[in-house]
Amino acid sequence: MFFKKKSGTHQRTVNQSIVAWALYDWANSAFATTVMAGFFPIFFKQYWSAGVASTESTFHLGVGNALASLFIVLVAPLLGAIADRGGLRRRFLFLFAGTGMVATAALYGVEQGEWLMALVLFVTATIGFMGANVFYDALLVSVAKKSQWDFISALGYALGYLGGGLLFSVNVAMSLSPESFGLESATEAVRLSFISVAVWWAVFSLPLLLLVKETPPAQRVSGWAVARAGYAQLVDTFHHLRQMRVVVIFLLAYWFYIDGVDTVVRMAVDYGLSIGLQQENLITALLITQFVGLPATLLFGFLAARMGTGGQGAKRGIFFALVVYVLAVIGAFFMDSSAEFYALAVTIGLVQGGVQALSRSLYARMIPLDKSAEFFGFYNMLGKFAAVLGPLLVGAVSLASGSHRWGMLSVVVLFLVGGWLLAKVDVRQIRQ
């Protein structure tokens, strides 16, 4: 489909660029699944923090995640502005991604009990992963026409689900049956999984490196001048955001509802454990979410293009996903069995990639194309801030009510506020 030759070479190059761009999601999602969501939290507590109190290891991991997010929050908009003015989106992407790959591979050499070294490498790898995403998102506007953004954004997330899920499946099989892979123990299997993620990330990033070209800036600057120009552009953008009402409203809406999305992802395993489910069931549910997300995300991108033009289809698709999230969280309140948790995993898999993909493509329609990295810096900044409010809300309500169920149910508020703000986003202003 994407490599079908048409008249002229330009169309063929564009198609190759689209696939190469989307394959980066396939590449880096291995880190999100195997490392961030899968093995690192468990291995950190049970292996690297051996002899450390459980509450202390949880605190250490929380601080590490917060530091990585805080770094991106502070630097993403400025680095995005610098990348815009200097035509440096691809270079910054591979600088951050390369850092993440090296730090991930280095986790293999961390010995038992060395929790501080493991945490430092994890924070470094996470910064590399999140930082690269700022510039990866910004390249969307360079690889495809505006009419394609919904589907292409969805294609990226769908390939991410498939790629991350495939490698995670292999890594889980290695840890459950190490002798089948010629390994001595599950510990060795988990350590080797970090190497596999780094290699996977590097190999499948090559198409983007070789085939994707960014739109050059109107006036390219270099050296120290690019840093000064980037800072000046950032200050100028802050001043003009007051006049970009549709962008501000959407970012506020996104902040709330993506907070709900991230909170469900981050708290689902903890919630499952709190109601007595087994670790093996939770890992299986995570795999289910990955593979359900592949066709569902593609379907979202396909349907958005037919539900309206000029961003209207993407907006309607996001609304639909938020309704499903509200129903899923209400269902989780009454959950009692592994079968119900699996049902929740399927439900989340149906909409998680869709809401992320359509949010990215809708936002791309609102921003100045020559400042895409800077504006996606703001976008990713709010996405990282979103990891704060939801977990605090769940924790506070759980503590006050004495029930994890009421804590999880409180997440509904985030989806309702986000949906209410999204309703105020006037897509006619986007078209203008």
Protein backbone atom coordinates (compact mmCIF):
# COMPACT_ATOMS: atom_id res chain seq x y z
CA MET A 1 0.00 0.00 0.00
CA PHE A 2 2.58 2.53 1.08
CA PHE A 3 5.28 1.49 -1.38
CA LYS A 4 2.96 1.40 -4.39
CA LYS A 5 4.71 3.27 -7.17
CA LYS A 6 3.02 6.24 -8.74
CA SER A 7 4.15 8.60 -11.44
CA GLY A 8 7.26 10.49 -10.47
CA THR A 9 9.75 9.79 -7.72
CA HIS A 10 8.48 12.32 -5.22
CA GLN A 11 5.36 10.34 -4.35
CA ARG A 12 7.40 7.17 -3.81
CA THR A 13 9.80 9.01 -1.49
CA VAL A 14 6.93 10.47 0.52
CA ASN A 15 5.43 6.99 0.99
CA GLN A 16 8.76 5.59 2.15
CA SER A 17 9.14 8.49 4.55
CA ILE A 18 5.72 7.82 6.06
CA VAL A 19 6.52 4.17 6.75
CA ALA A 20 10.00 5.03 8.03
CA TRP A 21 8.55 7.63 10.39
CA ALA A 22 5.90 5.25 11.70
CA LEU A 23 8.47 2.49 12.24
CA TYR A 24 10.18 4.61 14.90
CA ASP A 25 7.11 3.99 17.07
CA TRP A 26 7.67 0.26 16.48
CA ALA A 27 11.29 0.81 17.58
CA ASN A 28 10.92 2.83 20.77
CA SER A 29 7.77 1.15 22.07
CA ALA A 30 9.97 -1.77 23.10
CA PHE A 31 11.34 0.49 25.83
CA ALA A 32 7.85 1.56 26.93
CA THR A 33 6.59 -2.02 27.25
CA THR A 34 9.53 -4.18 28.31
CA VAL A 35 11.37 -1.61 30.43
CA MET A 36 8.99 1.08 31.72
CA ALA A 37 5.78 -0.91 32.12
CA GLY A 38 7.13 -4.44 32.35
CA PHE A 39 10.39 -5.60 33.84
CA PHE A 40 12.13 -2.58 35.35
CA PRO A 41 9.66 -1.85 38.19
CA ILE A 42 9.56 -5.52 39.22
CA PHE A 43 13.31 -6.12 38.82
CA PHE A 44 14.14 -2.88 40.60
CA LYS A 45 12.17 -3.92 43.66
CA GLN A 46 13.08 -7.61 43.75
CA TYR A 47 16.71 -7.66 42.49
CA TRP A 48 18.44 -4.30 42.50
CA SER A 49 16.77 -3.21 45.76
CA ALA A 50 17.35 -6.53 47.53
CA GLY A 51 17.57 -5.83 51.24
CA VAL A 52 15.86 -2.44 50.92
CA ALA A 53 12.45 -1.93 52.51
CA SER A 54 9.58 -2.13 50.03
CA THR A 55 8.34 1.37 50.89
CA GLU A 56 11.83 2.80 50.30
CA SER A 57 12.26 1.13 46.90
CA THR A 58 8.84 2.43 45.85
CA PHE A 59 9.88 5.92 46.92
CA HIS A 60 13.18 5.65 45.01
CA LEU A 61 11.37 4.57 41.84
CA GLY A 62 8.83 7.37 42.20
CA VAL A 63 11.59 9.96 42.59
CA GLY A 64 13.36 8.59 39.52
CA ASN A 65 10.25 8.83 37.36
CA ALA A 66 9.55 12.34 38.65
CA LEU A 67 13.09 13.54 37.91
CA ALA A 68 12.95 12.25 34.33
CA SER A 69 9.59 13.91 33.74
CA LEU A 70 10.72 17.16 35.35
CA PHE A 71 13.78 17.33 33.10
CA ILE A 72 11.61 17.01 29.97
CA VAL A 73 9.12 19.54 31.32
CA LEU A 74 11.89 22.10 31.80
CA VAL A 75 13.83 21.64 28.56
CA ALA A 76 11.37 20.36 25.91
CA PRO A 77 9.87 23.70 24.77
CA LEU A 78 13.26 25.44 24.61
CA LEU A 79 14.99 22.58 22.79
CA GLY A 80 12.01 22.40 20.46
CA ALA A 81 12.38 26.09 19.59
CA ILE A 82 16.12 25.63 19.01
CA ALA A 83 15.44 22.63 16.77
CA ASP A 84 12.91 24.65 14.74
CA ARG A 85 15.28 27.54 14.13
CA GLY A 86 18.29 25.36 13.37
CA GLY A 87 16.59 22.57 11.42
CA LEU A 88 17.80 20.17 14.10
CA ARG A 89 14.75 17.97 14.77
CA ARG A 90 16.33 14.79 13.40
CA ARG A 91 19.65 15.43 15.11
CA PHE A 92 18.03 16.05 18.48
CA LEU A 93 15.84 12.98 18.04
CA PHE A 94 18.84 10.72 17.54
CA LEU A 95 20.86 12.43 20.27
CA PHE A 96 18.15 11.64 22.82
CA ALA A 97 17.31 8.22 21.35
CA GLY A 98 20.98 7.19 21.28
CA THR A 99 21.33 8.21 24.91
CA GLY A 100 18.31 6.09 25.78
CA MET A 101 19.62 3.08 23.89
CA VAL A 102 23.04 3.15 25.56
CA ALA A 103 21.59 3.60 29.06
CA THR A 104 19.09 0.77 28.50
CA ALA A 105 21.80 -1.64 27.36
CA ALA A 106 23.95 -0.66 30.34
CA LEU A 107 21.28 -1.97 32.74
CA TYR A 108 22.53 -5.46 31.84
CA GLY A 109 25.74 -4.85 33.79
CA VAL A 110 24.13 -3.61 37.03
CA GLU A 111 24.62 -6.18 39.79
CA GLN A 112 22.19 -7.22 42.50
CA GLY A 113 21.78 -4.61 45.24
CA GLU A 114 23.08 -1.71 43.10
CA TRP A 115 19.76 0.13 43.11
CA LEU A 116 21.27 3.61 42.77
CA MET A 117 23.18 2.75 39.59
CA ALA A 118 20.09 1.05 38.15
CA LEU A 119 17.98 4.11 38.95
CA VAL A 120 20.48 6.53 37.39
CA LEU A 121 20.56 4.51 34.17
CA PHE A 122 16.76 4.19 34.14
CA VAL A 123 16.30 7.95 34.56
CA THR A 124 18.84 8.58 31.77
CA ALA A 125 17.13 6.09 29.46
CA THR A 126 13.69 7.54 30.22
CA ILE A 127 14.90 11.06 29.46
CA GLY A 128 16.26 9.76 26.15
CA PHE A 129 12.97 8.04 25.35
CA MET A 130 10.74 11.00 26.20
CA GLY A 131 13.05 13.63 24.74
CA ALA A 132 13.26 11.85 21.39
CA ASN A 133 9.47 11.71 21.24
CA VAL A 134 9.29 15.51 21.24
CA PHE A 135 11.14 15.68 17.93
CA TYR A 136 9.56 12.50 16.54
CA ASP A 137 6.09 14.01 16.98
CA ALA A 138 7.26 17.25 15.39
CA LEU A 139 8.40 15.41 12.24
CA LEU A 140 4.82 14.33 11.52
CA VAL A 141 4.18 17.60 9.70
CA SER A 142 7.17 16.96 7.42
CA VAL A 143 6.36 13.43 6.24
CA ALA A 144 2.71 13.63 5.20
CA LYS A 145 0.00 15.92 3.91
CA LYS A 146 -2.42 17.41 6.42
CA SER A 147 -5.24 15.19 5.13
CA GLN A 148 -3.16 12.14 6.06
CA TRP A 149 -2.20 13.15 9.60
CA ASP A 150 -4.98 11.29 11.44
CA PHE A 151 -4.24 7.99 9.74
CA ILE A 152 -0.45 8.36 9.77
CA SER A 153 -0.42 9.27 13.45
CA ALA A 154 -2.61 6.23 14.14
CA LEU A 155 -0.31 4.06 12.01
CA GLY A 156 2.62 5.03 14.21
CA TYR A 157 0.84 4.14 17.43
CA ALA A 158 -0.48 0.89 15.91
CA LEU A 159 2.99 -0.21 14.86
CA GLY A 160 4.18 0.75 18.33
CA TYR A 161 1.65 -1.59 19.89
CA LEU A 162 2.69 -4.42 17.57
CA GLY A 163 6.44 -3.92 17.82
CA GLY A 164 6.45 -3.37 21.57
CA GLY A 165 4.10 -6.29 22.08
CA LEU A 166 6.13 -8.70 19.94
CA LEU A 167 9.41 -8.07 21.72
CA PHE A 168 7.73 -8.04 25.12
CA SER A 169 6.17 -11.43 24.32
CA VAL A 170 9.61 -12.86 23.59
CA ASN A 171 11.04 -11.29 26.75
CA VAL A 172 8.20 -12.68 28.88
CA ALA A 173 8.71 -16.14 27.36
CA MET A 174 12.44 -15.90 28.16
CA SER A 175 11.74 -15.04 31.78
CA LEU A 176 9.09 -17.74 32.24
CA SER A 177 11.09 -20.52 30.57
CA PRO A 178 14.78 -19.49 30.48
CA GLU A 179 16.01 -23.04 29.85
CA SER A 180 14.13 -23.08 26.53
CA PHE A 181 16.37 -20.22 25.40
CA GLY A 182 19.58 -21.75 26.76
CA LEU A 183 19.63 -19.40 29.76
CA GLU A 184 20.45 -20.33 33.33
CA SER A 185 17.77 -18.35 35.15
CA ALA A 186 14.93 -15.84 34.89
CA THR A 187 17.33 -13.22 36.23
CA GLU A 188 19.65 -13.70 33.28
CA ALA A 189 16.63 -13.56 30.94
CA VAL A 190 15.46 -10.23 32.34
CA ARG A 191 18.95 -8.73 32.14
CA LEU A 192 19.28 -9.86 28.52
CA SER A 193 15.89 -8.31 27.78
CA PHE A 194 17.42 -4.86 28.37
CA ILE A 195 20.03 -5.61 25.70
CA SER A 196 17.30 -6.79 23.33
CA VAL A 197 15.36 -3.53 23.80
CA ALA A 198 18.42 -1.40 23.00
CA VAL A 199 19.19 -3.41 19.85
CA TRP A 200 15.54 -3.40 18.71
CA TRP A 201 15.31 0.35 19.30
CA ALA A 202 18.50 1.01 17.33
CA VAL A 203 17.81 -1.28 14.35
CA PHE A 204 14.27 -0.09 13.68
CA SER A 205 15.27 3.57 14.04
CA LEU A 206 17.48 3.28 10.97
CA PRO A 207 14.65 3.79 8.41
CA LEU A 208 13.81 7.16 9.97
CA LEU A 209 17.49 8.13 9.96
CA LEU A 210 17.90 7.20 6.29
CA LEU A 211 14.58 8.16 4.71
CA VAL A 212 12.91 10.95 6.69
CA LYS A 213 13.84 14.52 5.82
CA GLU A 214 12.56 17.46 7.84
CA THR A 215 11.16 20.63 6.36
CA PRO A 216 14.00 23.18 6.53
CA PRO A 217 13.44 26.46 8.39
CA ALA A 218 12.85 29.62 6.39
CA GLN A 219 16.01 31.16 7.87
CA ARG A 220 18.44 28.59 9.21
CA VAL A 221 20.85 29.73 11.93
CA SER A 222 23.73 27.83 13.51
CA GLY A 223 26.20 27.92 16.38
CA TRP A 224 25.36 29.98 19.45
CA ALA A 225 23.00 32.03 17.31
CA VAL A 226 20.56 29.09 17.13
CA ALA A 227 20.36 28.95 20.92
CA ARG A 228 19.68 32.69 21.14
CA ALA A 229 17.14 32.49 18.31
CA GLY A 230 15.43 29.51 19.93
CA TYR A 231 15.12 31.32 23.26
CA ALA A 232 13.77 34.43 21.55
CA GLN A 233 11.24 32.32 19.64
CA LEU A 234 10.10 30.65 22.87
CA VAL A 235 9.55 34.00 24.58
CA ASP A 236 7.70 35.27 21.53
CA THR A 237 5.46 32.19 21.52
CA PHE A 238 4.52 32.69 25.17
CA HIS A 239 3.43 36.23 24.31
CA HIS A 240 1.37 35.09 21.32
CA LEU A 241 -0.27 32.12 23.01
CA ARG A 242 -2.77 34.57 24.52
CA GLN A 243 -4.03 35.18 21.00
CA MET A 244 -4.12 31.45 20.15
CA ARG A 245 -7.19 30.63 22.22
CA VAL A 246 -8.01 27.38 20.42
CA VAL A 247 -4.51 26.01 21.13
CA VAL A 248 -4.64 26.97 24.81
CA ILE A 249 -8.07 25.39 25.32
CA PHE A 250 -7.01 22.19 23.58
CA LEU A 251 -3.82 21.93 25.65
CA LEU A 252 -5.85 22.31 28.85
CA ALA A 253 -8.30 19.66 27.66
CA TYR A 254 -5.43 17.38 26.70
CA TRP A 255 -3.77 17.90 30.09
CA PHE A 256 -6.85 16.61 31.92
CA TYR A 257 -7.91 13.70 29.77
CA ILE A 258 -4.40 12.40 29.03
CA ASP A 259 -3.83 12.56 32.80
CA GLY A 260 -6.74 10.15 33.10
CA VAL A 261 -5.31 7.91 30.36
CA ASP A 262 -1.85 7.82 31.97
CA THR A 263 -3.29 7.26 35.45
CA VAL A 264 -5.24 4.22 34.27
CA VAL A 265 -2.06 2.83 32.68
CA ARG A 266 0.15 3.53 35.69
CA MET A 267 -2.29 2.49 38.39
CA ALA A 268 -3.95 -0.54 36.76
CA VAL A 269 -1.31 -3.02 37.93
CA ASP A 270 -1.26 -1.60 41.45
CA TYR A 271 -5.07 -1.69 41.48
CA GLY A 272 -5.10 -5.30 40.28
CA LEU A 273 -2.67 -6.33 43.01
CA SER A 274 -4.71 -4.50 45.64
CA ILE A 275 -7.82 -6.55 44.82
CA GLY A 276 -5.90 -9.82 44.96
CA LEU A 277 -4.96 -10.61 41.36
CA GLN A 278 -1.74 -12.48 40.54
CA GLN A 279 1.33 -10.93 38.88
CA GLU A 280 1.14 -13.41 35.97
CA ASN A 281 -2.40 -12.29 35.19
CA LEU A 282 -1.37 -8.65 35.15
CA ILE A 283 1.51 -9.31 32.72
CA THR A 284 -0.87 -11.25 30.46
CA ALA A 285 -3.34 -8.36 30.57
CA LEU A 286 -0.57 -5.97 29.51
CA LEU A 287 0.16 -8.16 26.49
CA ILE A 288 -3.54 -8.27 25.63
CA THR A 289 -3.67 -4.47 25.63
CA GLN A 290 -0.71 -4.30 23.22
CA PHE A 291 -2.17 -6.61 20.59
CA VAL A 292 -5.73 -5.31 20.80
CA GLY A 293 -4.31 -1.81 20.37
CA LEU A 294 -2.86 -2.57 16.92
CA PRO A 295 -6.05 -2.97 14.85
CA ALA A 296 -8.07 -0.66 17.09
CA THR A 297 -5.68 2.27 16.64
CA LEU A 298 -5.63 1.82 12.86
CA LEU A 299 -9.42 1.73 12.89
CA PHE A 300 -9.53 5.01 14.82
CA GLY A 301 -7.35 6.69 12.22
CA PHE A 302 -9.48 5.28 9.39
CA LEU A 303 -12.77 6.34 10.96
CA ALA A 304 -11.57 9.82 11.93
CA ALA A 305 -11.00 10.64 8.27
CA ARG A 306 -14.63 9.73 7.57
CA MET A 307 -16.23 11.37 10.60
CA GLY A 308 -15.41 14.90 9.48
CA THR A 309 -12.78 17.13 7.92
CA GLY A 310 -10.56 19.88 9.26
CA GLY A 311 -10.10 18.17 12.62
CA GLN A 312 -13.79 17.46 13.26
CA GLY A 313 -13.33 13.71 12.77
CA ALA A 314 -10.38 13.59 15.17
CA LYS A 315 -12.32 15.55 17.78
CA ARG A 316 -15.30 13.18 17.53
CA GLY A 317 -12.98 10.18 17.78
CA ILE A 318 -11.41 11.55 20.96
CA PHE A 319 -14.86 12.13 22.45
CA PHE A 320 -15.82 8.52 21.73
CA ALA A 321 -12.63 7.26 23.40
CA LEU A 322 -13.27 9.37 26.51
CA VAL A 323 -16.78 7.91 26.84
CA VAL A 324 -15.29 4.39 26.68
CA TYR A 325 -12.71 5.32 29.33
CA VAL A 326 -15.44 6.58 31.67
CA LEU A 327 -17.39 3.34 31.27
CA ALA A 328 -14.20 1.26 31.76
CA VAL A 329 -13.29 3.03 35.01
CA ILE A 330 -16.84 2.60 36.32
CA GLY A 331 -16.57 -1.09 35.44
CA ALA A 332 -13.25 -1.34 37.27
CA PHE A 333 -14.99 -0.09 40.42
CA PHE A 334 -17.04 -3.32 40.50
CA MET A 335 -14.24 -5.66 39.35
CA ASP A 336 -13.52 -8.83 41.36
CA SER A 337 -11.87 -11.40 39.07
CA SER A 338 -9.04 -11.93 36.60
CA ALA A 339 -11.56 -12.38 33.80
CA GLU A 340 -12.93 -8.91 34.48
CA PHE A 341 -9.41 -7.49 34.54
CA TYR A 342 -8.77 -9.07 31.13
CA ALA A 343 -11.99 -7.46 29.88
CA LEU A 344 -10.72 -4.13 31.16
CA ALA A 345 -7.41 -4.69 29.30
CA VAL A 346 -9.29 -5.34 26.05
CA THR A 347 -11.45 -2.24 26.54
CA ILE A 348 -8.46 -0.01 27.22
CA GLY A 349 -6.62 -1.50 24.25
CA LEU A 350 -9.52 -0.53 21.99
CA VAL A 351 -9.22 3.19 22.72
CA GLN A 352 -5.82 3.99 24.24
CA GLY A 353 -3.89 4.25 20.99
CA GLY A 354 -6.78 6.01 19.29
CA VAL A 355 -7.03 8.84 21.79
CA GLN A 356 -3.26 9.33 21.70
CA ALA A 357 -3.00 9.24 17.91
CA LEU A 358 -5.95 11.56 17.23
CA SER A 359 -4.79 14.01 19.91
CA ARG A 360 -1.43 14.24 18.16
CA SER A 361 -2.91 14.75 14.69
CA LEU A 362 -5.55 17.24 15.90
CA TYR A 363 -2.87 19.28 17.67
CA ALA A 364 -0.67 19.22 14.55
CA ARG A 365 -3.50 21.02 12.70
CA MET A 366 -3.48 23.90 15.19
CA ILE A 367 0.18 24.85 15.31
CA PRO A 368 2.49 26.84 13.01
CA LEU A 369 4.33 24.29 10.88
CA ASP A 370 7.63 26.16 11.17
CA LYS A 371 7.44 25.88 14.98
CA SER A 372 6.29 22.27 15.20
CA ALA A 373 9.10 21.04 17.48
CA GLU A 374 8.60 23.92 19.91
CA PHE A 375 4.83 23.45 20.05
CA PHE A 376 5.18 19.71 20.44
CA GLY A 377 7.58 20.55 23.25
CA PHE A 378 4.64 22.21 25.03
CA TYR A 379 2.44 19.26 24.11
CA ASN A 380 4.86 16.70 25.57
CA MET A 381 5.51 18.94 28.56
CA LEU A 382 1.83 18.80 29.51
CA GLY A 383 1.85 15.08 28.87
CA LYS A 384 4.59 14.67 31.49
CA PHE A 385 2.82 16.98 33.94
CA ALA A 386 -0.18 14.70 33.49
CA ALA A 387 1.64 12.00 35.46
CA VAL A 388 1.20 14.08 38.63
CA LEU A 389 -2.44 15.05 39.18
CA GLY A 390 -4.11 11.69 38.51
CA PRO A 391 -2.00 9.48 40.80
CA LEU A 392 -2.29 12.10 43.55
CA LEU A 393 -6.05 12.16 43.12
CA VAL A 394 -6.26 8.36 43.27
CA GLY A 395 -4.00 8.22 46.32
CA ALA A 396 -5.82 10.97 48.20
CA VAL A 397 -9.29 9.57 47.55
CA SER A 398 -8.15 6.03 48.41
CA LEU A 399 -6.65 7.27 51.68
CA ALA A 400 -9.68 9.38 52.60
CA SER A 401 -12.22 6.68 51.73
CA GLY A 402 -10.17 3.68 52.82
CA SER A 403 -10.95 2.03 49.47
CA HIS A 404 -8.84 1.56 46.33
CA ARG A 405 -12.07 1.27 44.37
CA TRP A 406 -13.20 4.80 45.16
CA GLY A 407 -9.70 6.02 44.38
CA MET A 408 -9.80 4.50 40.90
CA LEU A 409 -13.32 5.80 40.31
CA SER A 410 -12.11 9.36 40.98
CA VAL A 411 -10.25 9.25 37.64
CA VAL A 412 -13.62 9.76 35.92
CA VAL A 413 -13.42 13.42 36.96
CA LEU A 414 -10.35 13.91 34.75
CA PHE A 415 -12.10 12.51 31.68
CA LEU A 416 -15.21 14.61 32.29
CA VAL A 417 -13.26 17.87 32.70
CA GLY A 418 -11.09 17.07 29.68
CA GLY A 419 -14.16 16.30 27.56
CA TRP A 420 -15.89 19.49 28.68
CA LEU A 421 -12.87 21.58 27.65
CA LEU A 422 -12.48 19.69 24.37
CA ALA A 423 -16.09 20.58 23.51
CA LYS A 424 -15.01 24.23 23.57
CA VAL A 425 -12.34 23.68 20.90
CA ASP A 426 -13.73 25.31 17.76
CA VAL A 427 -12.45 23.33 14.79
CA ARG A 428 -13.53 26.17 12.47
CA GLN A 429 -10.74 28.26 14.01
CA ILE A 430 -8.35 25.37 13.27
CA ARG A 431 -9.29 25.47 9.59
CA GLN A 432 -8.78 29.22 9.50
